[in-house]
All heavy atoms as atom14 arrays in JSON, in Angstrom:
{
  "sequence": "LVDCPPSLNILTLNALCAADTVLVPIQCEYYALEGLT",
  "atom14_mask": [
    [1, 1, 1, 1, 1, 1, 1, 1, 0, 0, 0, 0, 0, 0],
    [1, 1, 1, 1, 1, 1, 1, 0, 0, 0, 0, 0, 0, 0],
    [1, 1, 1, 1, 1, 1, 1, 1, 0, 0, 0, 0, 0, 0],
    [1, 1, 1, 1, 1, 1, 0, 0, 0, 0, 0, 0, 0, 0],
    [1, 1, 1, 1, 1, 1, 1, 0, 0, 0, 0, 0, 0, 0],
    [1, 1, 1, 1, 1, 1, 1, 0, 0, 0, 0, 0, 0, 0],
    [1, 1, 1, 1, 1, 1, 0, 0, 0, 0, 0, 0, 0, 0],
    [1, 1, 1, 1, 1, 1, 1, 1, 0, 0, 0, 0, 0, 0],
    [1, 1, 1, 1, 1, 1, 1, 1, 0, 0, 0, 0, 0, 0],
    [1, 1, 1, 1, 1, 1, 1, 1, 0, 0, 0, 0, 0, 0],
    [1, 1, 1, 1, 1, 1, 1, 1, 0, 0, 0, 0, 0, 0],
    [1, 1, 1, 1, 1, 1, 1, 0, 0, 0, 0, 0, 0, 0],
    [1, 1, 1, 1, 1, 1, 1, 1, 0, 0, 0, 0, 0, 0],
    [1, 1, 1, 1, 1, 1, 1, 1, 0, 0, 0, 0, 0, 0],
    [1, 1, 1, 1, 1, 0, 0, 0, 0, 0, 0, 0, 0, 0],
    [1, 1, 1, 1, 1, 1, 1, 1, 0, 0, 0, 0, 0, 0],
    [1, 1, 1, 1, 1, 1, 0, 0, 0, 0, 0, 0, 0, 0],
    [1, 1, 1, 1, 1, 0, 0, 0, 0, 0, 0, 0, 0, 0],
    [1, 1, 1, 1, 1, 0, 0, 0, 0, 0, 0, 0, 0, 0],
    [1, 1, 1, 1, 1, 1, 1, 1, 0, 0, 0, 0, 0, 0],
    [1, 1, 1, 1, 1, 1, 1, 0, 0, 0, 0, 0, 0, 0],
    [1, 1, 1, 1, 1, 1, 1, 0, 0, 0, 0, 0, 0, 0],
    [1, 1, 1, 1, 1, 1, 1, 1, 0, 0, 0, 0, 0, 0],
    [1, 1, 1, 1, 1, 1, 1, 0, 0, 0, 0, 0, 0, 0],
    [1, 1, 1, 1, 1, 1, 1, 0, 0, 0, 0, 0, 0, 0],
    [1, 1, 1, 1, 1, 1, 1, 1, 0, 0, 0, 0, 0, 0],
    [1, 1, 1, 1, 1, 1, 1, 1, 1, 0, 0, 0, 0, 0],
    [1, 1, 1, 1, 1, 1, 0, 0, 0, 0, 0, 0, 0, 0],
    [1, 1, 1, 1, 1, 1, 1, 1, 1, 0, 0, 0, 0, 0],
    [1, 1, 1, 1, 1, 1, 1, 1, 1, 1, 1, 1, 0, 0],
    [1, 1, 1, 1, 1, 1, 1, 1, 1, 1, 1, 1, 0, 0],
    [1, 1, 1, 1, 1, 0, 0, 0, 0, 0, 0, 0, 0, 0],
    [1, 1, 1, 1, 1, 1, 1, 1, 0, 0, 0, 0, 0, 0],
    [1, 1, 1, 1, 1, 1, 1, 1, 1, 0, 0, 0, 0, 0],
    [1, 1, 1, 1, 0, 0, 0, 0, 0, 0, 0, 0, 0, 0],
    [1, 1, 1, 1, 1, 1, 1, 1, 0, 0, 0, 0, 0, 0],
    [1, 1, 1, 1, 1, 1, 1, 0, 0, 0, 0, 0, 0, 0]
  ],
  "atom14_positions": [
    [[38.47, 82.63, -18.61], [37.61, 82.36, -19.76], [38.37, 81.5, -20.76], [39.53, 81.8, -21.09], [37.18, 83.66, -20.44], [35.89, 84.33, -19.93], [35.96, 84.6, -18.44], [35.62, 85.61, -20.69], [0.0, 0.0, 0.0], [0.0, 0.0, 0.0], [0.0, 0.0, 0.0], [0.0, 0.0, 0.0], [0.0, 0.0, 0.0], [0.0, 0.0, 0.0]],
    [[37.74, 80.44, -21.22], [38.39, 79.5, -22.13], [37.69, 79.51, -23.48], [36.48, 79.22, -23.57], [38.38, 78.06, -21.56], [39.23, 77.15, -22.45], [38.88, 78.03, -20.13], [0.0, 0.0, 0.0], [0.0, 0.0, 0.0], [0.0, 0.0, 0.0], [0.0, 0.0, 0.0], [0.0, 0.0, 0.0], [0.0, 0.0, 0.0], [0.0, 0.0, 0.0]],
    [[38.43, 79.83, -24.53], [37.89, 79.78, -25.9], [38.13, 78.38, -26.45], [39.29, 77.95, -26.56], [38.58, 80.83, -26.78], [37.92, 80.95, -28.14], [36.8, 80.44, -28.3], [38.52, 81.55, -29.04], [0.0, 0.0, 0.0], [0.0, 0.0, 0.0], [0.0, 0.0, 0.0], [0.0, 0.0, 0.0], [0.0, 0.0, 0.0], [0.0, 0.0, 0.0]],
    [[37.07, 77.67, -26.77], [37.17, 76.28, -27.23], [37.1, 76.19, -28.75], [36.49, 77.04, -29.41], [36.03, 75.45, -26.65], [35.95, 75.47, -24.85], [0.0, 0.0, 0.0], [0.0, 0.0, 0.0], [0.0, 0.0, 0.0], [0.0, 0.0, 0.0], [0.0, 0.0, 0.0], [0.0, 0.0, 0.0], [0.0, 0.0, 0.0], [0.0, 0.0, 0.0]],
    [[37.7, 75.16, -29.33], [37.54, 74.93, -30.77], [36.1, 74.53, -31.08], [35.39, 74.03, -30.21], [38.52, 73.8, -31.08], [38.73, 73.11, -29.77], [38.58, 74.15, -28.71], [0.0, 0.0, 0.0], [0.0, 0.0, 0.0], [0.0, 0.0, 0.0], [0.0, 0.0, 0.0], [0.0, 0.0, 0.0], [0.0, 0.0, 0.0], [0.0, 0.0, 0.0]],
    [[35.65, 74.74, -32.34], [34.27, 74.42, -32.71], [34.07, 72.93, -33.0], [33.52, 72.57, -34.05], [34.04, 75.29, -33.95], [35.38, 75.37, -34.57], [36.38, 75.42, -33.44], [0.0, 0.0, 0.0], [0.0, 0.0, 0.0], [0.0, 0.0, 0.0], [0.0, 0.0, 0.0], [0.0, 0.0, 0.0], [0.0, 0.0, 0.0], [0.0, 0.0, 0.0]],
    [[34.51, 72.11, -32.1], [34.35, 70.66, -32.25], [34.55, 70.02, -30.88], [35.12, 70.64, -29.98], [35.37, 70.08, -33.24], [36.69, 70.35, -32.79], [0.0, 0.0, 0.0], [0.0, 0.0, 0.0], [0.0, 0.0, 0.0], [0.0, 0.0, 0.0], [0.0, 0.0, 0.0], [0.0, 0.0, 0.0], [0.0, 0.0, 0.0], [0.0, 0.0, 0.0]],
    [[34.06, 68.8, -30.73], [34.24, 68.09, -29.48], [35.47, 67.19, -29.6], [35.41, 66.13, -30.2], [33.0, 67.26, -29.13], [33.07, 66.51, -27.8], [33.27, 67.48, -26.65], [31.81, 65.69, -27.58], [0.0, 0.0, 0.0], [0.0, 0.0, 0.0], [0.0, 0.0, 0.0], [0.0, 0.0, 0.0], [0.0, 0.0, 0.0], [0.0, 0.0, 0.0]],
    [[36.59, 67.65, -29.05], [37.82, 66.86, -29.07], [38.47, 66.94, -27.69], [37.86, 67.44, -26.74], [38.76, 67.36, -30.18], [39.07, 68.85, -30.05], [38.96, 69.44, -28.97], [39.47, 69.46, -31.16], [0.0, 0.0, 0.0], [0.0, 0.0, 0.0], [0.0, 0.0, 0.0], [0.0, 0.0, 0.0], [0.0, 0.0, 0.0], [0.0, 0.0, 0.0]],
    [[39.7, 66.48, -27.57], [40.34, 66.44, -26.25], [40.58, 67.85, -25.71], [40.61, 68.06, -24.5], [41.67, 65.65, -26.32], [42.22, 65.36, -24.91], [42.71, 66.38, -27.16], [41.33, 64.48, -24.07], [0.0, 0.0, 0.0], [0.0, 0.0, 0.0], [0.0, 0.0, 0.0], [0.0, 0.0, 0.0], [0.0, 0.0, 0.0], [0.0, 0.0, 0.0]],
    [[40.72, 68.84, -26.6], [40.92, 70.22, -26.15], [39.64, 70.77, -25.53], [39.66, 71.37, -24.45], [41.37, 71.1, -27.32], [42.69, 70.71, -27.98], [42.96, 71.58, -29.19], [43.84, 70.78, -26.99], [0.0, 0.0, 0.0], [0.0, 0.0, 0.0], [0.0, 0.0, 0.0], [0.0, 0.0, 0.0], [0.0, 0.0, 0.0], [0.0, 0.0, 0.0]],
    [[38.51, 70.54, -26.21], [37.22, 70.97, -25.66], [36.91, 70.21, -24.37], [36.41, 70.79, -23.39], [36.1, 70.75, -26.68], [36.4, 71.49, -27.86], [34.76, 71.22, -26.13], [0.0, 0.0, 0.0], [0.0, 0.0, 0.0], [0.0, 0.0, 0.0], [0.0, 0.0, 0.0], [0.0, 0.0, 0.0], [0.0, 0.0, 0.0], [0.0, 0.0, 0.0]],
    [[37.21, 68.92, -24.36], [36.97, 68.12, -23.17], [37.8, 68.63, -21.99], [37.3, 68.68, -20.86], [37.3, 66.65, -23.45], [36.93, 65.65, -22.34], [35.45, 65.72, -22.02], [37.32, 64.24, -22.75], [0.0, 0.0, 0.0], [0.0, 0.0, 0.0], [0.0, 0.0, 0.0], [0.0, 0.0, 0.0], [0.0, 0.0, 0.0], [0.0, 0.0, 0.0]],
    [[39.04, 69.02, -22.24], [39.86, 69.62, -21.19], [39.21, 70.87, -20.63], [39.2, 71.1, -19.42], [41.25, 69.95, -21.73], [42.28, 68.9, -21.36], [43.04, 69.06, -20.4], [42.31, 67.81, -22.12], [0.0, 0.0, 0.0], [0.0, 0.0, 0.0], [0.0, 0.0, 0.0], [0.0, 0.0, 0.0], [0.0, 0.0, 0.0], [0.0, 0.0, 0.0]],
    [[38.68, 71.7, -21.53], [38.02, 72.94, -21.1], [36.81, 72.63, -20.23], [36.6, 73.27, -19.19], [37.63, 73.77, -22.31], [0.0, 0.0, 0.0], [0.0, 0.0, 0.0], [0.0, 0.0, 0.0], [0.0, 0.0, 0.0], [0.0, 0.0, 0.0], [0.0, 0.0, 0.0], [0.0, 0.0, 0.0], [0.0, 0.0, 0.0], [0.0, 0.0, 0.0]],
    [[35.99, 71.66, -20.64], [34.79, 71.32, -19.88], [35.12, 70.68, -18.54], [34.38, 70.87, -17.56], [33.9, 70.38, -20.71], [33.31, 70.98, -22.0], [32.5, 69.93, -22.75], [32.46, 72.21, -21.71], [0.0, 0.0, 0.0], [0.0, 0.0, 0.0], [0.0, 0.0, 0.0], [0.0, 0.0, 0.0], [0.0, 0.0, 0.0], [0.0, 0.0, 0.0]],
    [[36.2, 69.95, -18.48], [36.61, 69.33, -17.21], [37.21, 70.36, -16.26], [37.22, 70.15, -15.05], [37.62, 68.21, -17.47], [36.9, 66.73, -18.2], [0.0, 0.0, 0.0], [0.0, 0.0, 0.0], [0.0, 0.0, 0.0], [0.0, 0.0, 0.0], [0.0, 0.0, 0.0], [0.0, 0.0, 0.0], [0.0, 0.0, 0.0], [0.0, 0.0, 0.0]],
    [[37.72, 71.46, -16.81], [38.33, 72.5, -15.98], [37.34, 73.57, -15.56], [37.59, 74.33, -14.62], [39.49, 73.15, -16.73], [0.0, 0.0, 0.0], [0.0, 0.0, 0.0], [0.0, 0.0, 0.0], [0.0, 0.0, 0.0], [0.0, 0.0, 0.0], [0.0, 0.0, 0.0], [0.0, 0.0, 0.0], [0.0, 0.0, 0.0], [0.0, 0.0, 0.0]],
    [[36.21, 73.65, -16.26], [35.27, 74.77, -16.07], [34.29, 74.56, -14.94], [33.98, 73.42, -14.56], [34.51, 75.01, -17.37], [0.0, 0.0, 0.0], [0.0, 0.0, 0.0], [0.0, 0.0, 0.0], [0.0, 0.0, 0.0], [0.0, 0.0, 0.0], [0.0, 0.0, 0.0], [0.0, 0.0, 0.0], [0.0, 0.0, 0.0], [0.0, 0.0, 0.0]],
    [[33.81, 75.67, -14.42], [32.67, 75.65, -13.5], [31.38, 75.73, -14.29], [30.39, 75.1, -13.94], [32.75, 76.84, -12.53], [33.99, 76.81, -11.67], [34.24, 75.78, -11.02], [34.73, 77.81, -11.66], [0.0, 0.0, 0.0], [0.0, 0.0, 0.0], [0.0, 0.0, 0.0], [0.0, 0.0, 0.0], [0.0, 0.0, 0.0], [0.0, 0.0, 0.0]],
    [[31.42, 76.55, -15.35], [30.21, 76.77, -16.14], [30.54, 76.85, -17.62], [31.7, 77.04, -18.01], [29.49, 78.08, -15.72], [30.39, 79.18, -15.88], [29.01, 78.01, -14.28], [0.0, 0.0, 0.0], [0.0, 0.0, 0.0], [0.0, 0.0, 0.0], [0.0, 0.0, 0.0], [0.0, 0.0, 0.0], [0.0, 0.0, 0.0], [0.0, 0.0, 0.0]],
    [[29.49, 76.75, -18.45], [29.64, 76.83, -19.91], [28.77, 77.96, -20.43], [27.57, 78.03, -20.14], [29.21, 75.5, -20.58], [29.39, 75.61, -22.1], [30.02, 74.33, -20.03], [0.0, 0.0, 0.0], [0.0, 0.0, 0.0], [0.0, 0.0, 0.0], [0.0, 0.0, 0.0], [0.0, 0.0, 0.0], [0.0, 0.0, 0.0], [0.0, 0.0, 0.0]],
    [[29.38, 78.87, -21.19], [28.65, 79.94, -21.84], [28.55, 79.6, -23.32], [29.56, 79.3, -23.96], [29.37, 81.28, -21.64], [28.63, 82.54, -22.06], [29.14, 83.74, -21.25], [28.79, 82.84, -23.54], [0.0, 0.0, 0.0], [0.0, 0.0, 0.0], [0.0, 0.0, 0.0], [0.0, 0.0, 0.0], [0.0, 0.0, 0.0], [0.0, 0.0, 0.0]],
    [[27.33, 79.63, -23.85], [27.09, 79.21, -25.23], [26.61, 80.39, -26.07], [25.48, 80.86, -25.91], [26.03, 78.09, -25.29], [25.87, 77.59, -26.73], [26.39, 76.94, -24.35], [0.0, 0.0, 0.0], [0.0, 0.0, 0.0], [0.0, 0.0, 0.0], [0.0, 0.0, 0.0], [0.0, 0.0, 0.0], [0.0, 0.0, 0.0], [0.0, 0.0, 0.0]],
    [[27.45, 80.89, -26.98], [26.98, 81.91, -27.92], [26.13, 81.25, -29.01], [26.5, 80.21, -29.55], [28.27, 82.49, -28.53], [29.38, 81.95, -27.69], [28.89, 80.66, -27.14], [0.0, 0.0, 0.0], [0.0, 0.0, 0.0], [0.0, 0.0, 0.0], [0.0, 0.0, 0.0], [0.0, 0.0, 0.0], [0.0, 0.0, 0.0], [0.0, 0.0, 0.0]],
    [[24.99, 81.85, -29.31], [24.11, 81.34, -30.36], [23.83, 82.45, -31.36], [23.35, 83.52, -31.0], [22.78, 80.81, -29.78], [23.02, 79.54, -28.98], [21.77, 80.54, -30.89], [21.75, 78.9, -28.48], [0.0, 0.0, 0.0], [0.0, 0.0, 0.0], [0.0, 0.0, 0.0], [0.0, 0.0, 0.0], [0.0, 0.0, 0.0], [0.0, 0.0, 0.0]],
    [[24.15, 82.17, -32.63], [23.91, 83.15, -33.69], [22.42, 83.2, -34.02], [21.75, 82.18, -34.13], [24.71, 82.75, -34.93], [24.61, 83.72, -36.08], [25.42, 83.25, -37.28], [26.0, 82.17, -37.26], [25.47, 84.07, -38.31], [0.0, 0.0, 0.0], [0.0, 0.0, 0.0], [0.0, 0.0, 0.0], [0.0, 0.0, 0.0], [0.0, 0.0, 0.0]],
    [[21.91, 84.41, -34.18], [20.48, 84.58, -34.45], [20.2, 84.42, -35.94], [19.76, 85.36, -36.63], [20.02, 85.96, -33.97], [20.07, 86.14, -32.18], [0.0, 0.0, 0.0], [0.0, 0.0, 0.0], [0.0, 0.0, 0.0], [0.0, 0.0, 0.0], [0.0, 0.0, 0.0], [0.0, 0.0, 0.0], [0.0, 0.0, 0.0], [0.0, 0.0, 0.0]],
    [[20.44, 83.23, -36.45], [20.19, 82.93, -37.84], [19.68, 81.5, -38.0], [19.7, 80.71, -37.05], [21.46, 83.14, -38.68], [21.86, 84.61, -38.82], [22.91, 84.85, -39.89], [23.41, 83.86, -40.47], [23.23, 86.02, -40.14], [0.0, 0.0, 0.0], [0.0, 0.0, 0.0], [0.0, 0.0, 0.0], [0.0, 0.0, 0.0], [0.0, 0.0, 0.0]],
    [[19.26, 81.17, -39.2], [18.74, 79.83, -39.49], [19.79, 78.78, -39.13], [20.98, 78.99, -39.32], [18.39, 79.76, -40.98], [17.51, 78.6, -41.34], [16.26, 78.45, -40.77], [17.93, 77.67, -42.28], [15.43, 77.39, -41.1], [17.11, 76.6, -42.64], [15.86, 76.46, -42.04], [15.05, 75.41, -42.38], [0.0, 0.0, 0.0], [0.0, 0.0, 0.0]],
    [[19.36, 77.65, -38.63], [20.21, 76.56, -38.16], [20.95, 76.9, -36.86], [21.86, 76.2, -36.46], [21.25, 76.13, -39.21], [20.65, 75.46, -40.43], [21.08, 75.81, -41.7], [19.67, 74.48, -40.31], [20.54, 75.22, -42.83], [19.13, 73.87, -41.42], [19.57, 74.25, -42.68], [19.04, 73.65, -43.8], [0.0, 0.0, 0.0], [0.0, 0.0, 0.0]],
    [[20.57, 78.02, -36.22], [21.26, 78.42, -35.0], [21.16, 77.36, -33.91], [22.08, 77.19, -33.11], [20.69, 79.74, -34.5], [0.0, 0.0, 0.0], [0.0, 0.0, 0.0], [0.0, 0.0, 0.0], [0.0, 0.0, 0.0], [0.0, 0.0, 0.0], [0.0, 0.0, 0.0], [0.0, 0.0, 0.0], [0.0, 0.0, 0.0], [0.0, 0.0, 0.0]],
    [[20.02, 76.65, -33.89], [19.82, 75.66, -32.83], [20.45, 74.31, -33.17], [20.44, 73.4, -32.34], [18.32, 75.49, -32.57], [17.58, 76.75, -32.12], [16.12, 76.45, -31.88], [18.22, 77.33, -30.9], [0.0, 0.0, 0.0], [0.0, 0.0, 0.0], [0.0, 0.0, 0.0], [0.0, 0.0, 0.0], [0.0, 0.0, 0.0], [0.0, 0.0, 0.0]],
    [[20.97, 74.23, -34.4], [21.6, 72.97, -34.81], [22.8, 72.7, -33.91], [23.7, 73.51, -33.75], [22.06, 73.07, -36.26], [22.59, 71.76, -36.83], [22.95, 71.93, -38.3], [22.03, 72.06, -39.13], [24.15, 71.96, -38.6], [0.0, 0.0, 0.0], [0.0, 0.0, 0.0], [0.0, 0.0, 0.0], [0.0, 0.0, 0.0], [0.0, 0.0, 0.0]],
    [[22.83, 71.59, -33.29], [23.95, 71.22, -32.42], [23.77, 71.61, -30.97], [24.52, 71.12, -30.11], [0.0, 0.0, 0.0], [0.0, 0.0, 0.0], [0.0, 0.0, 0.0], [0.0, 0.0, 0.0], [0.0, 0.0, 0.0], [0.0, 0.0, 0.0], [0.0, 0.0, 0.0], [0.0, 0.0, 0.0], [0.0, 0.0, 0.0], [0.0, 0.0, 0.0]],
    [[22.8, 72.49, -30.67], [22.62, 72.91, -29.28], [22.17, 71.74, -28.41], [22.66, 71.57, -27.29], [21.6, 74.05, -29.19], [21.33, 74.58, -27.77], [22.6, 75.11, -27.14], [20.25, 75.67, -27.81], [0.0, 0.0, 0.0], [0.0, 0.0, 0.0], [0.0, 0.0, 0.0], [0.0, 0.0, 0.0], [0.0, 0.0, 0.0], [0.0, 0.0, 0.0]],
    [[21.28, 70.9, -28.94], [20.83, 69.73, -28.19], [21.99, 68.8, -27.9], [22.14, 68.29, -26.77], [19.73, 68.98, -28.96], [18.63, 69.85, -29.2], [19.25, 67.76, -28.17], [0.0, 0.0, 0.0], [0.0, 0.0, 0.0], [0.0, 0.0, 0.0], [0.0, 0.0, 0.0], [0.0, 0.0, 0.0], [0.0, 0.0, 0.0], [0.0, 0.0, 0.0]]
  ]
}
């Protein structure tokens, strides 16, 4: 399991290139869908 920083940078890109799948936690509050697209 890889914990990624809350931004798209070379560290997150490394995680995505190494992963089989992506798990996305979504907070059940206003603006929760912001950034999901």
